[in-house]
Protein backbone atom coordinates (compact mmCIF):
# COMPACT_ATOMS: atom_id res chain seq x y z
CA MET A 1 291.88 67.24 104.94
CA LYS A 2 292.91 69.64 102.18
CA LYS A 3 292.06 68.53 98.65
CA HIS A 4 295.65 68.60 97.44
CA HIS A 5 296.57 66.02 100.07
CA LEU A 6 293.91 63.50 99.03
CA LEU A 7 296.15 61.62 96.63
CA LEU A 8 298.98 61.41 99.16
CA ALA A 9 296.56 59.90 101.65
CA ALA A 10 295.49 57.36 99.07
CA LEU A 11 299.11 56.49 98.33
CA CYS A 12 299.90 55.96 101.99
CA ALA A 13 296.81 53.81 102.45
CA ALA A 14 297.97 51.67 99.54
CA GLY A 15 301.40 51.18 101.11
CA SER A 16 303.09 53.39 98.54
CA THR A 17 304.39 56.18 100.74
CA ILE A 18 306.13 58.88 98.73
CA HIS A 19 309.03 60.91 100.09
CA ALA A 20 310.04 64.06 98.25
CA GLN A 21 313.72 63.15 98.47
CA ASP A 22 312.98 59.92 96.59
CA ILE A 23 311.40 61.69 93.61
CA PRO A 24 313.89 62.39 90.79
CA LEU A 25 314.78 65.92 89.80
CA VAL A 26 315.55 64.89 86.22
CA TYR A 27 315.74 61.80 84.01
CA SER A 28 318.24 60.41 81.54
CA ALA A 29 315.49 59.51 79.04
CA GLU A 30 313.67 61.95 76.76
CA ASN A 31 310.22 60.50 77.53
CA THR A 32 309.65 57.96 80.29
CA GLY A 33 305.97 57.71 79.31
CA ALA A 34 306.56 56.86 75.65
CA ALA A 35 304.57 53.63 75.90
CA ALA A 36 301.36 55.41 76.94
CA ASN A 37 298.38 54.68 74.72
CA PRO A 38 295.62 57.18 75.61
CA VAL A 39 292.06 57.22 74.35
CA LEU A 40 291.82 60.08 71.83
CA PRO A 41 288.13 60.84 71.29
CA THR A 42 286.75 62.95 68.49
CA LYS A 43 284.89 66.08 69.51
CA ALA A 44 281.58 64.21 69.05
CA GLU A 45 282.84 61.46 71.36
CA GLY A 46 284.42 63.82 73.88
CA ARG A 47 283.29 64.79 77.35
CA LYS A 48 282.23 68.38 77.84
CA ILE A 49 284.29 70.05 80.59
CA GLU A 50 283.90 73.84 80.72
CA VAL A 51 286.43 74.29 83.55
CA LEU A 52 289.91 72.78 83.74
CA PRO A 53 290.09 68.99 83.25
CA ASP A 54 291.47 66.85 86.08
CA PRO A 55 295.11 66.05 85.22
CA PHE A 56 295.02 62.93 87.42
CA GLU A 57 292.17 61.24 85.50
CA TRP A 58 293.14 58.46 83.10
CA SER A 59 292.15 59.20 79.53
CA ASP A 60 289.86 56.15 79.33
CA GLY A 61 287.77 57.37 82.28
CA ARG A 62 288.60 54.48 84.61
CA GLY A 63 289.44 56.79 87.48
CA ARG A 64 292.46 58.67 88.81
CA ILE A 65 296.10 57.65 89.11
CA ALA A 66 296.99 55.77 92.30
CA SER A 67 300.78 56.13 92.65
CA PHE A 68 303.70 58.31 91.66
CA ALA A 69 304.75 55.55 89.24
CA ASP A 70 301.40 56.12 87.52
CA TRP A 71 302.32 59.75 86.89
CA ALA A 72 304.87 58.76 84.24
CA LYS A 73 302.13 56.90 82.38
CA ARG A 74 299.60 59.70 82.83
CA ARG A 75 302.18 62.27 81.76
CA GLY A 76 302.74 60.16 78.64
CA GLU A 77 299.00 60.26 77.95
CA ILE A 78 298.95 64.05 78.20
CA ALA A 79 301.95 64.30 75.86
CA LYS A 80 300.18 62.25 73.20
CA GLU A 81 296.94 64.18 73.67
CA ILE A 82 298.72 67.49 73.06
CA GLN A 83 300.46 66.10 70.00
CA HIS A 84 297.25 64.59 68.61
CA TYR A 85 295.01 67.63 69.04
CA GLU A 86 297.33 70.63 69.04
CA ILE A 87 300.88 70.55 67.73
CA GLY A 88 301.32 67.34 65.74
CA GLU A 89 303.69 64.47 66.30
CA LYS A 90 307.11 64.91 67.83
CA PRO A 91 308.82 61.94 66.15
CA VAL A 92 310.92 59.49 68.13
CA VAL A 93 314.50 59.36 66.84
CA ASP A 94 316.63 56.25 67.22
CA ALA A 95 320.06 56.89 68.71
CA SER A 96 321.65 55.39 65.60
CA ALA A 97 320.22 58.26 63.52
CA VAL A 98 322.21 60.91 65.43
CA THR A 99 325.87 61.82 65.17
CA ALA A 100 327.60 64.63 67.05
CA GLN A 101 330.93 66.38 67.42
CA MET A 102 332.43 69.41 69.09
CA ASP A 103 334.02 71.91 66.70
CA GLY A 104 335.89 74.09 69.16
CA ASN A 105 333.09 75.39 71.41
CA THR A 106 330.39 74.63 68.83
CA LEU A 107 328.21 71.55 69.15
CA ARG A 108 327.33 70.05 65.77
CA VAL A 109 324.59 67.44 65.47
CA ALA A 110 323.44 65.58 62.34
CA VAL A 111 320.12 63.71 62.25
CA THR A 112 319.48 61.35 59.34
CA VAL A 113 315.97 60.06 58.62
CA GLY A 114 314.78 58.45 55.37
CA GLY A 115 317.99 59.31 53.58
CA GLU A 116 317.71 63.01 54.45
CA THR A 117 320.04 64.75 56.92
CA LEU A 118 319.29 67.77 59.07
CA ASN A 119 322.28 69.60 60.59
CA LEU A 120 322.09 71.55 63.84
CA SER A 121 324.79 73.68 65.41
CA ALA A 122 324.97 75.69 68.61
CA GLU A 123 327.89 77.51 70.20
CA ILE A 124 328.41 76.93 73.92
CA THR A 125 329.64 79.86 76.00
CA TYR A 126 331.45 78.46 79.01
CA PRO A 127 331.65 80.29 82.36
CA THR A 128 334.92 81.71 83.64
CA GLU A 129 334.26 80.42 87.15
CA GLY A 130 333.74 76.96 88.53
CA GLU A 131 334.89 73.63 87.13
CA ALA A 132 333.58 71.35 84.41
CA PRO A 133 331.24 69.63 83.94
CA TYR A 134 329.06 72.75 83.97
CA ALA A 135 325.36 73.32 84.21
CA LEU A 136 323.90 74.56 80.91
CA MET A 137 321.07 77.00 80.15
CA ILE A 138 319.71 76.68 76.60
CA GLY A 139 317.88 79.69 75.21
CA THR A 140 315.15 79.08 72.67
CA SER A 141 315.81 81.71 70.01
CA GLY A 142 318.12 83.37 72.53
CA ILE A 143 318.27 84.03 76.27
CA SER A 144 316.35 87.15 77.30
CA LEU A 145 317.16 86.74 80.99
CA PRO A 146 319.65 89.48 81.87
CA ASN A 147 323.35 88.70 82.10
CA ASP A 148 323.35 89.89 85.70
CA VAL A 149 321.50 86.79 86.92
CA PHE A 150 324.30 84.61 85.52
CA LYS A 151 327.20 86.64 86.95
CA GLY A 152 329.24 84.65 89.45
CA ARG A 153 327.35 81.46 88.61
CA PRO A 154 329.20 78.66 86.79
CA ILE A 155 326.50 78.11 84.18
CA ALA A 156 327.30 77.61 80.50
CA ARG A 157 324.92 79.07 77.95
CA MET A 158 323.82 78.02 74.48
CA THR A 159 321.18 79.20 71.96
CA PHE A 160 318.88 76.88 70.04
CA SER A 161 318.34 78.58 66.67
CA GLU A 162 314.96 77.21 65.73
CA SER A 163 315.23 78.36 62.10
CA GLN A 164 317.54 75.40 61.55
CA VAL A 165 314.38 73.26 61.92
CA ASN A 166 311.75 75.58 60.44
CA GLY A 167 310.93 79.27 60.29
CA TYR A 168 309.27 81.61 62.79
CA SER A 169 306.26 81.63 60.46
CA GLN A 170 306.15 78.37 58.58
CA MET A 171 304.37 79.97 55.64
CA GLY A 172 306.36 83.22 55.68
CA GLY A 173 308.15 84.81 52.75
CA SER A 174 308.42 82.96 49.46
CA THR A 175 308.88 79.56 51.03
CA ASP A 176 306.36 76.90 51.92
CA ARG A 177 306.48 74.21 54.58
CA SER A 178 307.86 71.58 52.20
CA GLN A 179 311.11 73.56 51.99
CA TYR A 180 311.82 73.48 55.72
CA ASN A 181 314.38 71.05 57.06
CA PHE A 182 312.02 69.18 59.37
CA VAL A 183 309.59 68.42 56.53
CA ARG A 184 312.43 67.12 54.36
CA LEU A 185 312.89 64.42 56.99
CA TYR A 186 309.20 63.95 57.78
CA PRO A 187 307.09 64.91 54.72
CA GLU A 188 304.09 63.10 56.21
CA LEU A 189 304.10 65.64 59.08
CA ILE A 190 303.75 68.72 56.88
CA ASP A 191 300.61 69.80 58.80
CA ASN A 192 302.44 69.87 62.15
CA GLY A 193 302.52 73.00 64.24
CA ALA A 194 305.93 74.55 64.75
CA TYR A 195 306.09 73.83 68.48
CA SER A 196 306.31 70.06 68.02
CA GLU A 197 309.12 70.53 65.51
CA TRP A 198 311.03 73.04 67.63
CA ALA A 199 310.74 70.71 70.63
CA TRP A 200 312.06 67.92 68.40
CA GLY A 201 315.04 70.08 67.36
CA LEU A 202 316.05 70.98 70.90
CA SER A 203 315.87 67.31 71.89
CA ARG A 204 318.29 66.47 69.10
CA LEU A 205 320.82 68.95 70.52
CA ILE A 206 320.44 67.23 73.89
CA ASP A 207 320.95 63.91 72.07
CA GLY A 208 324.26 65.27 70.83
CA LEU A 209 325.35 66.35 74.30
CA GLN A 210 324.36 62.97 75.68
CA LEU A 211 326.13 61.08 72.92
CA LEU A 212 329.44 62.93 73.38
CA GLY A 213 329.31 62.97 77.18
CA PRO A 214 330.65 65.50 79.71
CA GLU A 215 334.30 64.59 79.02
CA VAL A 216 333.91 66.08 75.53
CA THR A 217 331.21 68.72 76.00
CA LYS A 218 332.10 69.82 79.57
CA ILE A 219 328.34 69.80 80.26
CA ASP A 220 326.63 68.00 83.16
CA MET A 221 323.66 66.14 81.63
CA ALA A 222 321.75 66.27 84.93
CA ARG A 223 321.83 70.08 85.03
CA ILE A 224 320.35 71.33 81.73
CA GLY A 225 317.82 74.17 81.71
CA VAL A 226 315.79 75.81 78.95
CA THR A 227 314.38 79.34 78.76
CA GLY A 228 312.80 81.73 76.27
CA CYS A 229 310.45 84.70 76.11
CA SER A 230 307.20 85.49 74.28
CA TYR A 231 306.73 83.05 71.37
CA ALA A 232 310.04 81.54 72.48
CA GLY A 233 308.63 81.37 76.02
CA LYS A 234 306.01 79.01 74.62
CA MET A 235 308.80 77.18 72.84
CA ALA A 236 310.78 76.79 76.06
CA LEU A 237 307.69 75.41 77.82
CA PHE A 238 307.00 72.87 75.07
CA CYS A 239 310.68 71.90 74.92
CA GLY A 240 310.92 71.45 78.69
CA ALA A 241 307.61 69.63 78.93
CA PHE A 242 308.45 67.17 76.16
CA ASP A 243 312.03 66.30 77.17
CA GLU A 244 312.58 64.91 80.67
CA ARG A 245 316.33 65.41 80.41
CA VAL A 246 315.67 69.13 81.09
CA VAL A 247 315.83 69.75 84.84
CA LEU A 248 314.67 73.40 84.80
CA THR A 249 312.24 75.25 82.52
CA ILE A 250 311.90 79.04 82.81
CA ALA A 251 309.05 80.21 80.56
CA GLN A 252 309.21 84.00 80.37
CA GLU A 253 306.02 85.82 79.30
CA PRO A 254 304.81 82.84 77.21
CA GLY A 255 301.30 84.24 76.68
CA GLY A 256 298.32 82.37 75.24
CA GLY A 257 299.25 78.95 73.90
CA GLY A 258 301.95 78.76 76.55
CA ALA A 259 301.13 78.50 80.25
CA ALA A 260 297.70 80.12 79.84
CA ALA A 261 294.69 77.80 79.74
CA TRP A 262 292.77 77.83 76.47
CA ARG A 263 289.47 77.61 78.36
CA TYR A 264 290.09 80.54 80.69
CA SER A 265 291.43 82.72 77.87
CA ARG A 266 288.25 82.08 75.86
CA TRP A 267 286.22 83.00 78.94
CA LEU A 268 288.21 86.24 79.34
CA ASN A 269 287.52 87.21 75.73
CA ALA A 270 283.79 86.57 76.23
CA GLN A 271 283.45 89.18 78.99
CA PRO A 272 281.79 92.55 78.26
CA ASN A 273 284.26 95.21 77.09
CA ALA A 274 287.06 92.65 77.24
CA GLU A 275 290.51 93.58 76.00
CA SER A 276 291.48 90.80 73.64
CA VAL A 277 293.93 88.16 74.86
CA GLU A 278 295.74 85.48 72.89
CA SER A 279 293.46 82.47 72.77
CA LEU A 280 292.82 79.30 70.80
CA ASP A 281 290.81 81.41 68.32
CA LYS A 282 293.38 84.22 68.20
CA THR A 283 296.89 82.89 67.80
CA ASP A 284 299.35 82.00 65.04
CA TYR A 285 298.35 78.81 63.28
CA ASN A 286 301.80 78.27 61.92
CA TRP A 287 302.61 77.35 65.52
CA PHE A 288 299.65 75.00 66.07
CA MET A 289 297.72 72.61 63.83
CA THR A 290 294.81 74.35 62.11
CA SER A 291 292.60 71.39 63.05
CA LEU A 292 292.77 72.61 66.67
CA ARG A 293 290.95 75.82 65.79
CA ASP A 294 288.64 74.13 63.29
CA SER A 295 287.39 71.56 65.81
CA TYR A 296 287.75 73.30 69.18
CA GLY A 297 287.26 77.00 68.49
CA GLY A 298 284.89 79.14 70.55
CA ARG A 299 282.89 77.31 73.21
CA GLU A 300 283.85 73.97 71.62
CA VAL A 301 287.11 74.19 73.58
CA ALA A 302 285.12 72.53 76.38
CA TYR A 303 285.45 69.24 74.46
CA LEU A 304 289.26 69.33 74.34
CA PRO A 305 290.41 66.47 76.62
CA TYR A 306 293.19 68.52 78.25
CA ASP A 307 294.25 72.13 78.75
CA HIS A 308 297.53 73.97 79.24
CA HIS A 309 297.71 73.49 82.99
CA GLU A 310 298.50 69.92 81.92
CA LEU A 311 301.18 71.09 79.48
CA ALA A 312 302.81 72.85 82.45
CA ALA A 313 302.23 69.79 84.66
CA MET A 314 304.14 67.62 82.18
CA VAL A 315 307.28 69.23 83.61
CA CYS A 316 306.57 67.58 87.00
CA PRO A 317 308.52 66.29 88.92
CA ARG A 318 311.17 68.54 87.39
CA ALA A 319 311.32 72.30 87.99
CA LEU A 320 309.24 75.03 86.31
CA LEU A 321 309.18 78.81 86.79
CA MET A 322 306.70 80.92 84.81
CA LEU A 323 307.35 84.67 84.55
CA GLY A 324 304.49 87.00 83.59
CA ASN A 325 303.93 90.64 82.71
CA PRO A 326 300.34 91.87 83.24
CA ASP A 327 301.06 95.21 81.54
CA PHE A 328 300.65 93.38 78.23
CA VAL A 329 297.01 92.24 78.20
CA TRP A 330 297.53 90.05 75.11
CA LEU A 331 299.69 87.69 77.19
CA ALA A 332 296.57 86.52 79.08
CA ASP A 333 298.34 86.42 82.44
CA PRO A 334 295.11 85.96 84.47
CA SER A 335 294.67 82.77 82.45
CA ALA A 336 298.27 81.75 83.16
CA TYR A 337 297.61 82.39 86.87
CA VAL A 338 294.62 80.02 86.84
CA SER A 339 296.54 77.47 84.79
CA MET A 340 299.68 77.55 86.94
CA ASN A 341 297.62 77.16 90.12
CA GLY A 342 296.02 74.11 88.53
CA ALA A 343 299.41 72.70 87.53
CA LEU A 344 300.77 73.44 91.01
CA LYS A 345 298.39 70.85 92.43
CA VAL A 346 300.30 68.11 90.58
CA TRP A 347 303.58 68.98 92.34
CA GLU A 348 301.67 69.38 95.60
CA GLN A 349 300.23 65.88 95.34
CA PHE A 350 303.75 64.49 95.56
CA GLY A 351 305.03 66.89 98.22
CA ILE A 352 307.40 68.70 95.84
CA GLU A 353 305.58 72.03 95.42
CA ASP A 354 308.90 73.84 95.94
CA ARG A 355 309.83 72.78 92.39
CA VAL A 356 307.28 75.03 90.69
CA GLY A 357 306.53 78.73 90.84
CA TYR A 358 305.12 81.76 89.06
CA SER A 359 305.99 85.44 89.24
CA ILE A 360 303.63 87.85 87.46
CA VAL A 361 305.01 91.36 87.91
CA ALA A 362 304.10 94.63 86.14
CA GLY A 363 306.12 97.76 85.44
CA HIS A 364 308.60 96.66 82.77
CA GLY A 365 308.90 96.11 79.04
CA HIS A 366 308.09 92.89 77.24
CA CYS A 367 310.90 90.34 77.73
CA SER A 368 312.75 92.81 79.96
CA LEU A 369 313.10 91.21 83.37
CA PRO A 370 312.93 93.84 86.15
CA GLN A 371 315.31 93.67 89.09
CA SER A 372 312.39 92.84 91.37
CA GLN A 373 312.17 89.44 89.65
CA TYR A 374 315.90 88.68 89.84
CA PRO A 375 315.69 86.93 93.24
CA GLU A 376 313.22 84.23 92.15
CA VAL A 377 315.09 83.56 88.90
CA GLU A 378 318.39 83.37 90.78
CA ALA A 379 316.85 81.02 93.34
CA TYR A 380 315.75 78.62 90.60
CA LEU A 381 319.17 78.76 88.93
CA ASP A 382 320.92 78.12 92.27
CA ARG A 383 318.64 75.29 93.33
CA PHE A 384 318.14 73.34 90.14
CA LEU A 385 321.23 74.09 88.05
CA LEU A 386 323.80 74.55 90.83
CA GLY A 387 322.41 72.20 93.48
CA LYS A 388 322.07 74.67 96.34
CA THR A 389 319.44 73.73 98.90
CA ASP A 390 319.36 76.82 101.12
CA VAL A 391 317.21 78.89 98.75
CA ASP A 392 313.46 79.51 98.72
CA THR A 393 311.83 78.39 95.46
CA ARG A 394 308.19 78.55 96.65
CA VAL A 395 307.44 81.48 94.36
CA ARG A 396 303.79 82.57 94.21
CA ILE A 397 303.70 86.21 93.05
CA ALA A 398 300.75 87.78 91.23
CA PRO A 399 298.85 91.10 91.17
CA GLU A 400 296.53 91.65 94.14
CA SER A 401 293.55 91.81 91.78
CA TYR A 402 294.08 88.15 90.85
CA SER A 403 292.98 87.18 94.36
CA ASN A 404 289.43 87.85 93.16
CA ILE A 405 289.64 84.97 90.69
CA ASP A 406 287.63 81.96 91.85
CA LEU A 407 290.24 79.22 91.48
CA ASP A 408 287.97 76.69 93.13
CA LEU A 409 285.45 77.09 90.30
CA TRP A 410 288.09 75.94 87.83
CA THR A 411 289.89 73.16 89.74
CA GLY A 412 287.94 72.47 92.94
CA TRP A 413 285.94 69.66 91.35
CA TRP A 414 289.02 67.44 90.82
CA GLY A 415 288.47 64.11 92.56
CA GLN A 416 285.08 65.30 93.85
CA GLY A 417 282.65 64.24 91.11
CA GLU A 418 281.31 65.98 88.02
CA PRO A 419 283.01 69.14 86.73
CA ASN A 420 281.66 72.55 87.66
CA GLU A 421 279.64 74.41 85.07
CA LEU A 422 280.47 77.99 84.16
CA PRO A 423 277.78 80.65 84.29
CA ALA A 424 276.49 81.60 80.86
CA ASP A 425 278.74 83.94 78.93
CA PRO A 426 277.51 87.48 79.35
CA TYR A 427 276.36 88.91 76.05
CA ILE A 428 275.31 92.54 75.88
CA PRO A 429 274.04 93.61 72.46
CA ASN A 430 275.47 96.93 71.38
CA GLY A 431 273.61 97.83 68.21
CA PRO A 432 271.88 100.87 66.71
CA LYS A 433 269.84 102.98 69.09
CA LYS A 434 266.08 102.52 69.08
CA GLY A 435 264.37 105.09 66.91
CA SER A 436 267.38 105.46 64.58
CA LEU A 437 267.40 105.24 60.79
CA ASP A 438 270.65 104.07 59.19
CA LYS A 439 271.75 103.98 55.59
CA LEU A 440 273.49 100.69 54.81
CA PRO A 441 276.19 100.45 52.12
CA LEU A 442 276.16 98.28 49.04
CA VAL A 443 279.18 96.02 49.09
CA GLY A 444 280.51 93.61 46.48
CA ASN A 445 280.49 90.02 47.69
CA TRP A 446 281.42 86.80 45.95
CA ALA A 447 279.88 86.43 42.47
CA SER A 448 278.60 90.01 42.45
CA SER A 449 279.91 93.48 41.74
CA VAL A 450 278.68 96.93 42.73
CA SER A 451 279.04 100.14 40.77
CA GLY A 452 277.91 103.64 41.68
CA GLU A 453 279.08 106.92 43.18
CA ALA A 454 280.96 106.57 46.44
CA ALA A 455 280.12 108.80 49.39
CA ASP A 456 282.72 110.72 51.39
CA ASP A 457 283.33 107.64 53.55
CA GLY A 458 284.14 105.53 50.49
CA ASN A 459 280.94 103.47 50.62
CA ILE A 460 278.44 103.15 47.77
CA TYR A 461 274.90 103.60 49.09
CA SER A 462 273.04 103.48 45.75
CA GLY A 463 274.07 101.92 42.48
CA THR A 464 273.95 98.87 40.26
CA VAL A 465 274.45 95.32 41.47
CA ASN A 466 275.52 92.79 38.86
CA PHE A 467 275.32 89.11 39.81
CA SER A 468 277.96 87.61 37.57
CA PHE A 469 277.37 83.94 38.29
CA ARG A 470 274.50 81.63 39.14
CA TRP A 471 274.92 82.50 42.82
CA GLY A 472 275.72 85.85 44.31
CA GLU A 473 274.75 88.35 46.97
CA VAL A 474 274.96 91.96 48.03
CA GLY A 475 275.28 93.16 51.63
CA GLY A 476 276.91 90.86 54.16
CA ALA A 477 278.85 91.71 57.28
CA ALA A 478 278.45 95.44 56.58
CA TRP A 479 274.73 95.03 57.37
CA LYS A 480 275.24 93.17 60.66
CA GLY A 481 273.55 94.42 63.80
CA ASP A 482 272.97 93.68 67.47
CA VAL A 483 269.31 93.81 68.44
CA ASN A 484 268.73 95.22 71.90
CA ASP A 485 265.96 93.81 74.08
CA GLY A 486 262.52 95.11 73.13
CA SER A 487 263.53 96.31 69.67
CA LYS A 488 263.59 95.11 66.10
CA HIS A 489 265.48 96.02 62.94
CA ILE A 490 263.66 96.56 59.66
CA ILE A 491 266.00 96.37 56.67
CA THR A 492 264.47 97.74 53.46
CA VAL A 493 266.00 97.52 49.98
CA THR A 494 264.46 99.95 47.48
CA THR A 495 265.02 99.36 43.76
CA ALA A 496 264.48 101.48 40.63
CA GLN A 497 262.69 98.69 38.80
CA PRO A 498 260.40 95.84 39.90
CA LEU A 499 262.24 93.08 41.70
CA PRO A 500 262.82 89.99 39.54
CA GLU A 501 262.04 86.45 40.58
CA GLY A 502 264.85 84.45 42.15
CA LEU A 503 265.95 86.62 45.09
CA GLN A 504 266.06 85.70 48.80
CA TRP A 505 267.31 87.08 52.08
CA LYS A 506 270.32 85.39 53.67
CA ILE A 507 270.59 85.90 57.43
CA ALA A 508 273.18 84.59 59.89
CA TYR A 509 271.69 84.99 63.37
CA LEU A 510 273.62 84.91 66.64
CA ASP A 511 272.61 82.96 69.73
CA GLU A 512 272.36 84.40 73.22
CA TYR A 513 276.15 84.09 73.66
CA GLY A 514 276.96 85.94 70.46
CA GLU A 515 277.94 82.71 68.65
CA PRO A 516 276.78 82.25 65.02
CA LEU A 517 273.80 80.04 64.22
CA PRO A 518 273.24 78.27 60.87
CA GLU A 519 272.20 80.61 58.06
CA VAL A 520 268.50 80.98 57.25
CA TYR A 521 266.85 82.07 54.01
CA GLU A 522 263.58 83.84 53.19
CA GLN A 523 262.24 84.26 49.67
CA ILE A 524 261.72 87.82 48.35
CA PRO A 525 258.49 88.29 46.38
CA ALA A 526 258.91 89.55 42.81
CA GLY A 527 257.18 92.55 41.27
CA GLY A 528 257.50 95.34 43.84
CA THR A 529 260.24 97.92 44.25
CA GLU A 530 260.84 97.26 47.95
CA ALA A 531 262.04 94.21 49.86
CA SER A 532 261.82 94.35 53.67
CA ILE A 533 262.64 91.98 56.49
CA GLU A 534 262.13 92.35 60.25
CA LEU A 535 264.89 91.07 62.53
CA THR A 536 264.37 90.59 66.26
CA LYS A 537 267.59 88.70 67.06
CA CYS A 538 271.21 89.74 66.74
CA TYR A 539 272.78 88.86 63.41
CA SER A 540 276.32 88.82 62.04
CA TYR A 541 275.34 88.76 58.38
CA ALA A 542 272.42 90.03 56.30
CA ALA A 543 272.34 89.99 52.51
CA VAL A 544 270.14 89.84 49.45
CA GLN A 545 271.09 86.69 47.59
CA ARG A 546 270.10 85.47 44.16
CA LEU A 547 268.98 81.90 43.72
CA ALA A 548 270.75 79.55 41.33
CA GLN A 549 269.66 80.68 37.88
CA ASP A 550 271.10 82.24 34.77
CA ASN A 551 270.38 85.51 32.98
CA LEU A 552 269.43 87.67 35.95
CA ASP A 553 269.74 91.28 34.81
CA PRO A 554 271.62 93.82 36.94
CA ILE A 555 269.51 95.40 39.68
CA ASN A 556 269.52 99.17 40.27
CA ILE A 557 269.31 99.78 44.02
CA VAL A 558 268.14 103.22 45.12
CA SER A 559 268.88 102.70 48.85
CA VAL A 560 269.22 100.24 51.69
CA SER A 561 267.96 101.46 55.07
CA ARG A 562 267.64 100.03 58.55
CA TRP A 563 265.00 101.36 60.90
CA THR A 564 265.52 100.38 64.53
CA THR A 565 262.25 100.45 66.43
CA PHE A 566 260.37 98.64 69.18
CA ALA A 567 259.24 95.06 68.58
CA ASP A 568 256.25 95.78 70.83
CA PRO A 569 254.66 99.17 70.09
CA ASP A 570 253.30 99.24 73.65
CA ALA A 571 256.90 99.28 74.90
CA PHE A 572 257.33 102.84 73.59
CA GLN A 573 257.07 105.38 76.39
CA PRO A 574 257.38 108.98 75.19
CA THR A 575 259.36 111.31 77.40
CA SER A 576 257.88 114.58 78.60
């Protein structure tokens, strides 16, 4: 029996047979899993899972869900996990706090919380064909899907202008977060990431449509879609995932932090000669809470209780189409491919895998949908916004090279026992060649200054170092080096006068994966005019640091050199 049918078998055995036609396409409530109360462990309490976590496992570890009814509760757990660790709270708004009206074709919504009011407005463009009530596609920061896919289709369109809630960069310009509209209403949520707030804003527009009803708005509440591209593709995914009144989500080129899995993107960046992709360590932290990076950066992402295949799965049982563009490496589309195939298993478990798809196609500009992708977009519009059933929405399109990705490594463990372990990150030191002698520059670091004559490259290689406070150092990242197997680095600092008491080396070594280890210190003897240290491991930082004391005179440094040689003299084999 195939793995993705295991849950269905369990449901049938329990007398809870699920038929696809009985599973809703959309809901009238924003969040049917609002009552979920997941366990939210700290990193120290968390379970280490290097591959993708099982979306069917309850957060408290008691096992896996046993019915489709359980999915609403599990989905609610995932929603609260993502809010807690990643984007911040999306506040619940009582219906009494919202008022709405139509001003011509413009929807106007006012939300009042704590005596403060936030006003939203969005113009609806109605189709010239068909009859009301119409399906509606909402564009997050605009609709980048071409007009041609809407021609002849009675679908109204509307743009959610997210700046009415907060800015593209929350800290941009001369403003700070306290001046944004969302924070006026919720000052206690000032540390939120933008995606929770933007999802909140779009839900308030849907509140307004729901409050007025189709007689006033001419919009069918059961046929609302959301779409966006790039950062707005992430926004569309978060908006669709967090509001179950959205029947169709089309996330176009959402990149890292969207459909792509944080874990797989980190793994991509760890590969030799990798082209950088957007990852948990390399994204905009106006969009996400900074605590996400602080706690789960690097390999610590393995302790995050969820990943973005579960963000995508939150859309289930509604419809989701992810559009990719592998020409733009930063978008991390191989990671989105892994993530979407993981999310796909959730729809498969309930026999509704025709409600989710991905199309990753090269040969076009960013946010410029090529004609080759029109058919799958049109199929999703026809099926889920217009109710047509004679269209094929089983879209699984990706570059041929992606077939080499071992999906089973990342998701095959679900329901089978303990998670798979990834092979160790490859780390290939790429430092100075053995037998080379390098001159290292003097650089001014905190609590120190460097003066002297600059070379043609702008660096000062000899001069005076003045430690201006009780602590200070010279050197730093400019002296870093990767130590190749069988070699060692000898860093020598030569001074014009005898070295004073109170100096030490400060070294930040790297482990076998290239991750930083805690700093170490080694005292420098006083009296001589040379200080040397031998390094046999890769290091990201090397400096001469003064100890805490006053009245240390400036030090005149003649040179700093690094000799790269063999750690074992017997390893040297002269060539003929």
